[in-house]
Amino acid sequence: MPTPALRGLHHAAIICSDYARSKRFYAGLLGLRIVAEHHREARCSWKLDLALPDGAQIELFSFPEPPPRPSRPEARGLRHLAFAVTDLDASVAALQAGGVEVEPIRVDEYTGARFTFFADPDGLPLELYEVSAGSL
């Protein structure tokens, strides 16, 4: 049976309850480098991209009154785990061949990269994020 050929962790996304406090914690206390910060007007939300020394990133999100996590994205806490792949279509096909349901492929509005979501057996949201082979 084919596997999706995961290449590493691309980013972890976290939804916080207090954006300013979390930004101070991750960028100030932990010393993660700020890569980009965007206010997403349509969602009344902030997105902060933070770099780890090995190249992996943390995406910090704010949303108005996020509920505690019952099981799905857009709730306070860990949003999802993203794995870097160099061939998204082949990776999706491998997951589907294994009986895993995969959401339709989308395009990141800031980077132009393609990505999709699926869930682990416990419903944890996971992402495949397409990167070039040279970027690993």
Foldseek 3Di string as FASTA:
>chain_A
DDALPFDFWAEWEFEAADVVVVCCCVCPVVVWAWDDWDQDVVQNKIWTWTADPVNHIYIYMYGPPADDDPFAASHGTTHATETEGADVVVNVVNCVVVVWDKDDWDADPPPRWIKTWTADPVRGIYMYTHDHPVVD
